[in-house]
Amino acid sequence: MPRTYSKQHGEASCYQLALDRLEWTFNSFDQVTVAFSGGKDSTVCMNLALEVAKAKNRLPLHVYTYDEEAIPPETVEYMARVALRPEVALHWYCVPIQHRNACSTDSPYWYPWAPEDEAKWVRPLPPLAITSYDGFNRHGIAEQMRAIFPSGRGSLANIMGIRTQESLSRHWAVASKKGWEAFMSPGAAHASKNVYPIYDWMTEDVWIAPERFGWDYNRAYDVMDGAGLPRHLQRCSPPFGEQPIRRLHTYKTCWPQLWAKMVDRVPGAATAARYANTELYAVGVENDDLPAGMTWRGWTMVTLRALPPSSRQEAAFAIQVGLKNHAKRTGGAPLPDEEPHPLSGFCWKGMYLAAKIGGNKFGRVQQKIGNNAIKVRKRNGVPA
């Protein structure tokens, strides 16, 4: 029988538990920094870390942000206010990090602040922008951790506002561990560990804290409130990836001037805003019902057999590559049926979804499998 994990509720408040985790973190690591996006979760992490850092005489608190260029003006204003706080040392990176662009198959990535695209930037560089550093390349954020936090400077805790409420795979990754290890990543960039002090907070907790303690926050959430967007769907990051693309149209509603520039900035954005919630972008595939009595593995095989011969061969080959990558990352662990494995990001349901939307081209299916796995691994703090 597969091992299962359930949530257990204790008597301590989530606020006190987060402070306890952060105190342990400051006691256990030579360096402590906060990953800051300007969003609600990183806002809570930063303010909690400031409380502990002050008590331990570890100020200023080092905070870093990767500015993704196409962000609401209220987010920019909020980060500027944070930078003025004397107890915060904000490192404001404006560099062309590689980001997914699910709006276009011809341009699967985009690079904020790319110098060659300066004429299309949606806003000017902020005054405190850091535009380069030793070891920078155009890879994703996980790879860049090695450049901004090189080895040889002692152990580092990278505090992140990741919560298990946002995904069952995150809950599984936490629930399968014991003690202090439960709120840290199983692996991260060398010389560092990702720490999740608010992993068990609910959305309501995240919003109660700023109100109760009088913390400053990103006013972009007020704009989204005014537009009628439910709080659990509110995000301040650019909505060009596979999951955020479903809310791309909210930028057009909430920030029309910004949206007019975003359409020019990222290939396919205008089309995606119109059709991201239709079958054109495979919406509804994730909601397919599994036939009674079948596993996702069995349903994947049925789906493959229904494809035309040439498409079936290419899709099957793409899945075989995914299975080999899963085995390599997990040491040969069985592939989970529905919940992605926290170390590899793969599961049979993901294989089915990739075969369902693709089939006619190996590259398209393999890209879907790989992108799903990368997202899961990043959520779990596992290097891509």
Protein backbone atom coordinates (compact mmCIF):
# COMPACT_ATOMS: atom_id res chain seq x y z
CA MET A 1 0.00 0.00 0.00
CA PRO A 2 1.43 3.46 -0.88
CA ARG A 3 2.47 5.61 2.00
CA THR A 4 0.09 8.48 2.79
CA TYR A 5 0.48 11.70 4.76
CA SER A 6 -2.12 13.85 6.46
CA LYS A 7 -2.15 17.34 7.90
CA GLN A 8 -1.93 17.66 11.68
CA HIS A 9 -2.99 20.82 13.47
CA GLY A 10 -1.15 21.89 16.63
CA GLU A 11 -1.89 24.47 19.29
CA ALA A 12 0.79 26.99 18.31
CA SER A 13 -0.20 29.79 15.92
CA CYS A 14 1.22 29.80 12.41
CA TYR A 15 2.80 33.16 13.28
CA GLN A 16 4.72 31.74 16.24
CA LEU A 17 5.73 28.63 14.31
CA ALA A 18 7.14 30.78 11.50
CA LEU A 19 9.14 32.84 14.01
CA ASP A 20 10.48 29.64 15.60
CA ARG A 21 11.57 28.34 12.19
CA LEU A 22 13.27 31.62 11.38
CA GLU A 23 15.06 31.73 14.73
CA TRP A 24 16.37 28.23 14.06
CA THR A 25 17.42 29.38 10.59
CA PHE A 26 19.39 32.39 11.86
CA ASN A 27 21.06 30.17 14.46
CA SER A 28 21.98 27.50 11.91
CA PHE A 29 23.26 29.45 8.88
CA ASP A 30 26.11 31.88 8.37
CA GLN A 31 24.10 34.00 5.94
CA VAL A 32 20.36 34.59 5.67
CA THR A 33 18.65 36.29 2.74
CA VAL A 34 15.06 36.71 1.56
CA ALA A 35 13.81 36.12 -1.98
CA PHE A 36 11.46 39.03 -2.59
CA SER A 37 9.00 39.45 -5.46
CA GLY A 38 6.87 42.21 -4.00
CA GLY A 39 4.05 39.69 -3.59
CA LYS A 40 2.07 38.90 -0.45
CA ASP A 41 3.96 35.77 0.56
CA SER A 42 7.45 37.25 0.26
CA THR A 43 6.18 40.35 2.08
CA VAL A 44 5.24 38.20 5.07
CA CYS A 45 8.57 36.34 4.97
CA MET A 46 10.54 39.57 4.85
CA ASN A 47 8.73 41.15 7.79
CA LEU A 48 8.97 38.01 9.92
CA ALA A 49 12.67 37.70 9.13
CA LEU A 50 13.16 41.35 10.09
CA GLU A 51 11.68 40.65 13.52
CA VAL A 52 14.09 37.80 14.15
CA ALA A 53 17.09 39.58 12.61
CA LYS A 54 16.51 42.60 14.83
CA ALA A 55 16.32 40.44 17.96
CA LYS A 56 19.57 38.72 16.99
CA ASN A 57 21.39 41.90 15.95
CA ARG A 58 21.63 40.63 12.34
CA LEU A 59 20.48 43.80 10.58
CA PRO A 60 20.43 44.93 7.86
CA LEU A 61 18.55 42.00 6.40
CA HIS A 62 19.71 41.10 2.90
CA VAL A 63 16.81 40.89 0.45
CA TYR A 64 17.10 40.25 -3.27
CA THR A 65 14.62 40.55 -6.11
CA TYR A 66 14.67 39.59 -9.76
CA ASP A 67 12.67 42.37 -11.38
CA GLU A 68 10.69 40.81 -14.24
CA GLU A 69 10.11 44.13 -16.05
CA ALA A 70 6.45 43.53 -16.98
CA ILE A 71 5.10 44.02 -13.47
CA PRO A 72 2.38 46.35 -12.13
CA PRO A 73 3.47 49.93 -11.33
CA GLU A 74 2.30 49.41 -7.74
CA THR A 75 4.82 46.59 -7.40
CA VAL A 76 7.63 48.88 -8.54
CA GLU A 77 6.51 51.56 -6.08
CA TYR A 78 6.34 49.05 -3.25
CA MET A 79 9.85 47.71 -3.93
CA ALA A 80 11.14 51.29 -3.97
CA ARG A 81 9.60 51.84 -0.52
CA VAL A 82 11.23 48.65 0.75
CA ALA A 83 14.59 49.83 -0.59
CA LEU A 84 14.31 52.98 1.55
CA ARG A 85 13.97 51.01 4.78
CA PRO A 86 17.27 51.30 6.73
CA GLU A 87 16.94 47.78 8.15
CA VAL A 88 16.77 46.27 4.63
CA ALA A 89 19.63 45.86 2.16
CA LEU A 90 17.74 45.36 -1.11
CA HIS A 91 19.59 43.91 -4.09
CA TRP A 92 17.44 44.88 -7.09
CA TYR A 93 18.48 42.74 -10.08
CA CYS A 94 17.31 43.81 -13.54
CA VAL A 95 18.97 41.19 -15.72
CA PRO A 96 17.77 39.08 -18.68
CA ILE A 97 16.88 35.90 -16.80
CA GLN A 98 15.28 33.21 -18.95
CA HIS A 99 11.51 32.96 -18.42
CA ARG A 100 8.93 30.72 -20.04
CA ASN A 101 6.64 32.20 -22.67
CA ALA A 102 3.63 29.92 -23.10
CA CYS A 103 2.02 32.49 -25.41
CA SER A 104 4.04 31.37 -28.41
CA THR A 105 5.50 28.07 -29.62
CA ASP A 106 7.87 29.98 -31.90
CA SER A 107 9.31 32.02 -29.00
CA PRO A 108 9.16 29.68 -25.96
CA TYR A 109 11.25 31.99 -23.77
CA TRP A 110 11.53 35.70 -23.11
CA TYR A 111 14.21 37.73 -21.32
CA PRO A 112 13.24 40.79 -19.26
CA TRP A 113 15.66 43.70 -19.55
CA ALA A 114 17.46 42.14 -22.53
CA PRO A 115 19.65 44.98 -23.90
CA GLU A 116 18.79 44.09 -27.51
CA ASP A 117 15.10 44.66 -26.69
CA GLU A 118 15.50 48.00 -24.93
CA ALA A 119 13.21 49.76 -27.40
CA LYS A 120 10.41 47.40 -26.29
CA TRP A 121 10.95 47.55 -22.52
CA VAL A 122 7.66 48.24 -20.78
CA ARG A 123 9.31 50.70 -18.37
CA PRO A 124 12.69 52.33 -17.72
CA LEU A 125 15.27 50.73 -15.48
CA PRO A 126 14.71 51.61 -11.80
CA PRO A 127 17.39 53.85 -10.21
CA LEU A 128 18.73 51.04 -7.99
CA ALA A 129 18.91 48.45 -10.75
CA ILE A 130 21.79 45.96 -10.74
CA THR A 131 22.22 45.08 -14.41
CA SER A 132 25.08 42.56 -14.29
CA TYR A 133 27.24 40.52 -11.94
CA ASP A 134 30.06 37.98 -12.12
CA GLY A 135 28.91 34.63 -13.40
CA PHE A 136 25.68 35.88 -14.91
CA ASN A 137 24.27 33.99 -17.88
CA ARG A 138 20.86 33.81 -19.49
CA HIS A 139 19.68 30.70 -17.73
CA GLY A 140 16.79 30.44 -15.29
CA ILE A 141 16.68 31.76 -11.74
CA ALA A 142 17.76 28.45 -10.17
CA GLU A 143 21.03 28.53 -12.13
CA GLN A 144 21.64 32.17 -11.22
CA MET A 145 21.72 31.32 -7.51
CA ARG A 146 25.21 29.95 -8.06
CA ALA A 147 26.35 33.33 -9.32
CA ILE A 148 24.88 35.63 -6.66
CA PHE A 149 25.59 33.19 -3.80
CA PRO A 150 28.92 31.53 -4.70
CA SER A 151 30.47 28.84 -2.53
CA GLY A 152 33.17 29.68 -0.01
CA ARG A 153 31.20 32.24 1.97
CA GLY A 154 29.71 29.89 4.52
CA SER A 155 26.26 28.30 4.65
CA LEU A 156 23.34 30.28 3.28
CA ALA A 157 19.60 30.16 3.99
CA ASN A 158 17.44 31.50 1.18
CA ILE A 159 14.02 32.35 2.67
CA MET A 160 11.16 31.92 0.21
CA GLY A 161 7.41 32.50 0.50
CA ILE A 162 6.28 29.07 -0.72
CA ARG A 163 3.12 27.61 0.82
CA THR A 164 1.78 24.06 0.59
CA GLN A 165 -1.78 25.34 0.10
CA GLU A 166 -0.82 26.25 -3.46
CA SER A 167 -0.19 22.67 -4.58
CA LEU A 168 -0.58 19.10 -3.37
CA SER A 169 2.94 18.27 -4.51
CA ARG A 170 4.29 20.95 -2.18
CA HIS A 171 2.27 19.50 0.68
CA TRP A 172 3.60 16.01 -0.09
CA ALA A 173 7.21 17.25 -0.21
CA VAL A 174 6.83 18.79 3.25
CA ALA A 175 4.72 16.07 4.85
CA SER A 176 7.18 13.35 3.86
CA LYS A 177 9.95 14.88 6.01
CA LYS A 178 10.47 15.20 9.73
CA GLY A 179 11.63 17.89 12.14
CA TRP A 180 13.42 21.00 10.99
CA GLU A 181 14.03 19.51 7.53
CA ALA A 182 10.29 19.79 6.84
CA PHE A 183 10.48 23.45 5.87
CA MET A 184 13.65 23.29 3.78
CA SER A 185 14.30 22.15 0.24
CA PRO A 186 15.83 18.69 -0.24
CA GLY A 187 18.43 20.34 -2.43
CA ALA A 188 19.26 23.77 -3.78
CA ALA A 189 22.11 25.64 -5.38
CA HIS A 190 25.43 24.67 -3.86
CA ALA A 191 26.26 26.31 -0.52
CA SER A 192 22.60 27.25 0.03
CA LYS A 193 19.28 25.88 1.26
CA ASN A 194 15.82 27.17 0.43
CA VAL A 195 13.79 27.75 3.60
CA TYR A 196 9.97 27.95 3.67
CA PRO A 197 8.95 29.41 7.06
CA ILE A 198 5.30 29.99 6.10
CA TYR A 199 4.74 26.72 4.25
CA ASP A 200 1.66 25.92 6.36
CA TRP A 201 0.01 29.37 6.19
CA MET A 202 -3.35 29.80 4.49
CA THR A 203 -4.20 32.72 2.17
CA GLU A 204 -6.26 34.22 5.01
CA ASP A 205 -3.22 34.14 7.32
CA VAL A 206 -1.09 35.92 4.74
CA TRP A 207 -3.57 38.82 4.63
CA ILE A 208 -4.34 38.97 8.35
CA ALA A 209 -0.69 39.55 9.26
CA PRO A 210 -0.16 42.88 7.42
CA GLU A 211 -3.43 44.21 8.79
CA ARG A 212 -2.71 43.14 12.36
CA PHE A 213 0.91 44.31 12.43
CA GLY A 214 0.58 47.36 10.21
CA TRP A 215 3.01 46.14 7.55
CA ASP A 216 3.31 47.94 4.24
CA TYR A 217 2.18 45.88 1.24
CA ASN A 218 1.87 45.94 -2.54
CA ARG A 219 -1.10 48.10 -3.58
CA ALA A 220 -1.45 46.10 -6.80
CA TYR A 221 -3.64 43.78 -4.73
CA ASP A 222 -6.05 46.67 -4.12
CA VAL A 223 -6.34 47.13 -7.89
CA MET A 224 -7.08 43.44 -8.38
CA ASP A 225 -9.62 43.55 -5.54
CA GLY A 226 -11.34 46.42 -7.35
CA ALA A 227 -11.46 44.35 -10.54
CA GLY A 228 -13.24 41.54 -8.68
CA LEU A 229 -10.40 39.02 -8.89
CA PRO A 230 -10.59 36.49 -6.00
CA ARG A 231 -7.66 36.81 -3.62
CA HIS A 232 -6.48 33.22 -4.07
CA LEU A 233 -6.00 33.97 -7.81
CA GLN A 234 -4.17 37.27 -7.41
CA ARG A 235 -0.57 37.32 -8.66
CA CYS A 236 1.83 40.19 -9.32
CA SER A 237 4.32 38.35 -11.51
CA PRO A 238 4.23 38.43 -15.33
CA PRO A 239 1.51 36.04 -16.54
CA PHE A 240 3.30 34.44 -19.49
CA GLY A 241 3.95 30.93 -18.12
CA GLU A 242 1.71 27.88 -18.56
CA GLN A 243 -0.31 28.41 -15.36
CA PRO A 244 -0.37 32.26 -15.08
CA ILE A 245 -1.39 32.59 -18.73
CA ARG A 246 -4.97 31.77 -17.71
CA ARG A 247 -5.08 35.16 -15.95
CA LEU A 248 -3.36 37.12 -18.70
CA HIS A 249 -6.54 39.02 -19.51
CA THR A 250 -6.61 40.53 -15.99
CA TYR A 251 -3.60 42.68 -16.89
CA LYS A 252 -5.61 44.18 -19.73
CA THR A 253 -8.39 44.99 -17.26
CA CYS A 254 -6.32 46.23 -14.32
CA TRP A 255 -3.40 47.96 -16.05
CA PRO A 256 -4.37 48.88 -19.64
CA GLN A 257 -1.35 51.14 -20.20
CA LEU A 258 1.03 48.42 -19.07
CA TRP A 259 -0.87 45.88 -21.13
CA ALA A 260 -0.46 47.92 -24.31
CA LYS A 261 3.31 47.61 -23.87
CA MET A 262 3.23 43.95 -22.82
CA VAL A 263 1.54 43.03 -26.11
CA ASP A 264 4.51 44.48 -27.96
CA ARG A 265 7.05 43.02 -25.54
CA VAL A 266 6.26 39.29 -25.52
CA PRO A 267 5.43 37.37 -28.72
CA GLY A 268 1.93 35.91 -28.73
CA ALA A 269 0.66 37.84 -25.68
CA ALA A 270 -2.27 39.45 -27.49
CA THR A 271 -3.48 36.13 -28.92
CA ALA A 272 -3.04 34.37 -25.59
CA ALA A 273 -5.10 37.00 -23.80
CA ARG A 274 -8.01 36.23 -26.13
CA TYR A 275 -7.74 32.45 -26.28
CA ALA A 276 -5.77 31.26 -23.21
CA ASN A 277 -8.95 29.94 -21.60
CA THR A 278 -10.07 27.98 -24.66
CA GLU A 279 -9.19 24.63 -26.23
CA LEU A 280 -6.67 26.43 -28.44
CA TYR A 281 -4.36 26.53 -25.40
CA ALA A 282 -5.39 23.06 -24.20
CA VAL A 283 -7.64 24.36 -21.43
CA GLY A 284 -9.80 21.59 -20.09
CA VAL A 285 -7.20 18.91 -20.77
CA GLU A 286 -6.07 19.05 -17.13
CA ASN A 287 -9.69 18.57 -16.06
CA ASP A 288 -10.24 15.37 -18.03
CA ASP A 289 -11.99 12.76 -15.90
CA LEU A 290 -10.14 9.51 -15.42
CA PRO A 291 -12.38 6.61 -16.51
CA ALA A 292 -13.60 4.50 -13.62
CA GLY A 293 -11.29 1.65 -12.69
CA MET A 294 -8.31 3.01 -14.65
CA THR A 295 -4.98 4.47 -13.60
CA TRP A 296 -3.35 7.41 -15.34
CA ARG A 297 -0.70 4.99 -16.60
CA GLY A 298 -3.36 2.80 -18.21
CA TRP A 299 -5.22 5.79 -19.64
CA THR A 300 -1.96 7.09 -21.13
CA MET A 301 -1.50 3.77 -22.96
CA VAL A 302 -5.08 3.92 -24.26
CA THR A 303 -4.51 7.49 -25.46
CA LEU A 304 -1.30 6.50 -27.25
CA ARG A 305 -3.01 3.61 -29.06
CA ALA A 306 -5.71 6.00 -30.32
CA LEU A 307 -3.16 8.27 -32.03
CA PRO A 308 -2.20 7.90 -35.70
CA PRO A 309 0.86 5.61 -36.12
CA SER A 310 3.42 8.36 -36.78
CA SER A 311 2.10 10.51 -33.94
CA ARG A 312 1.96 7.51 -31.61
CA GLN A 313 5.61 6.70 -32.25
CA GLU A 314 6.77 10.25 -31.57
CA ALA A 315 4.64 10.64 -28.43
CA ALA A 316 5.78 7.27 -27.07
CA PHE A 317 9.42 8.22 -27.63
CA ALA A 318 8.88 11.52 -25.79
CA ILE A 319 7.37 9.65 -22.82
CA GLN A 320 10.28 7.18 -22.81
CA VAL A 321 12.70 10.10 -22.54
CA GLY A 322 10.66 11.46 -19.64
CA LEU A 323 10.75 8.08 -17.88
CA LYS A 324 14.53 7.88 -18.24
CA ASN A 325 14.95 11.39 -16.82
CA HIS A 326 12.68 10.48 -13.88
CA ALA A 327 14.70 7.34 -13.13
CA LYS A 328 17.96 9.29 -13.31
CA ARG A 329 16.77 11.98 -10.88
CA THR A 330 15.18 9.60 -8.37
CA GLY A 331 17.56 6.64 -8.46
CA GLY A 332 15.00 4.43 -10.12
CA ALA A 333 11.95 5.20 -7.96
CA PRO A 334 8.57 4.14 -9.40
CA LEU A 335 6.77 6.84 -11.37
CA PRO A 336 3.78 8.17 -9.31
CA ASP A 337 0.41 7.86 -11.00
CA GLU A 338 -1.14 11.29 -10.27
CA GLU A 339 1.02 13.45 -7.97
CA PRO A 340 4.35 14.57 -9.51
CA HIS A 341 7.42 13.16 -7.81
CA PRO A 342 9.06 16.04 -5.84
CA LEU A 343 12.56 15.24 -7.10
CA SER A 344 11.80 14.70 -10.79
CA GLY A 345 8.49 16.49 -11.35
CA PHE A 346 7.15 13.57 -13.40
CA CYS A 347 3.97 11.46 -13.03
CA TRP A 348 1.76 9.39 -15.31
CA LYS A 349 -0.96 12.03 -15.36
CA GLY A 350 1.56 14.50 -16.77
CA MET A 351 2.56 11.97 -19.42
CA TYR A 352 -1.09 11.56 -20.38
CA LEU A 353 -1.66 15.32 -20.66
CA ALA A 354 1.39 15.70 -22.88
CA ALA A 355 0.28 12.87 -25.17
CA LYS A 356 -3.27 14.26 -25.30
CA ILE A 357 -2.29 17.76 -26.44
CA GLY A 358 0.54 16.74 -28.74
CA GLY A 359 1.03 13.49 -30.51
CA ASN A 360 1.87 14.93 -33.90
CA LYS A 361 5.33 16.22 -33.01
CA PHE A 362 7.93 14.76 -30.64
CA GLY A 363 9.24 18.23 -29.76
CA ARG A 364 5.85 19.52 -28.64
CA VAL A 365 5.11 16.53 -26.42
CA GLN A 366 8.60 16.43 -24.93
CA GLN A 367 8.49 20.19 -24.28
CA LYS A 368 5.17 19.81 -22.43
CA ILE A 369 6.53 16.94 -20.30
CA GLY A 370 9.75 18.81 -19.57
CA ASN A 371 8.05 22.10 -18.74
CA ASN A 372 5.65 20.41 -16.30
CA ALA A 373 8.55 18.66 -14.59
CA ILE A 374 10.64 21.83 -14.36
CA LYS A 375 7.76 23.69 -12.71
CA VAL A 376 7.32 20.99 -10.08
CA ARG A 377 11.05 20.78 -9.35
CA LYS A 378 11.30 24.55 -8.96
CA ARG A 379 8.32 24.55 -6.60
CA ASN A 380 10.11 21.95 -4.50
CA GLY A 381 13.45 23.78 -4.60
CA VAL A 382 15.13 21.11 -6.75
CA PRO A 383 17.67 22.40 -9.30
CA ALA A 384 16.45 22.13 -12.87
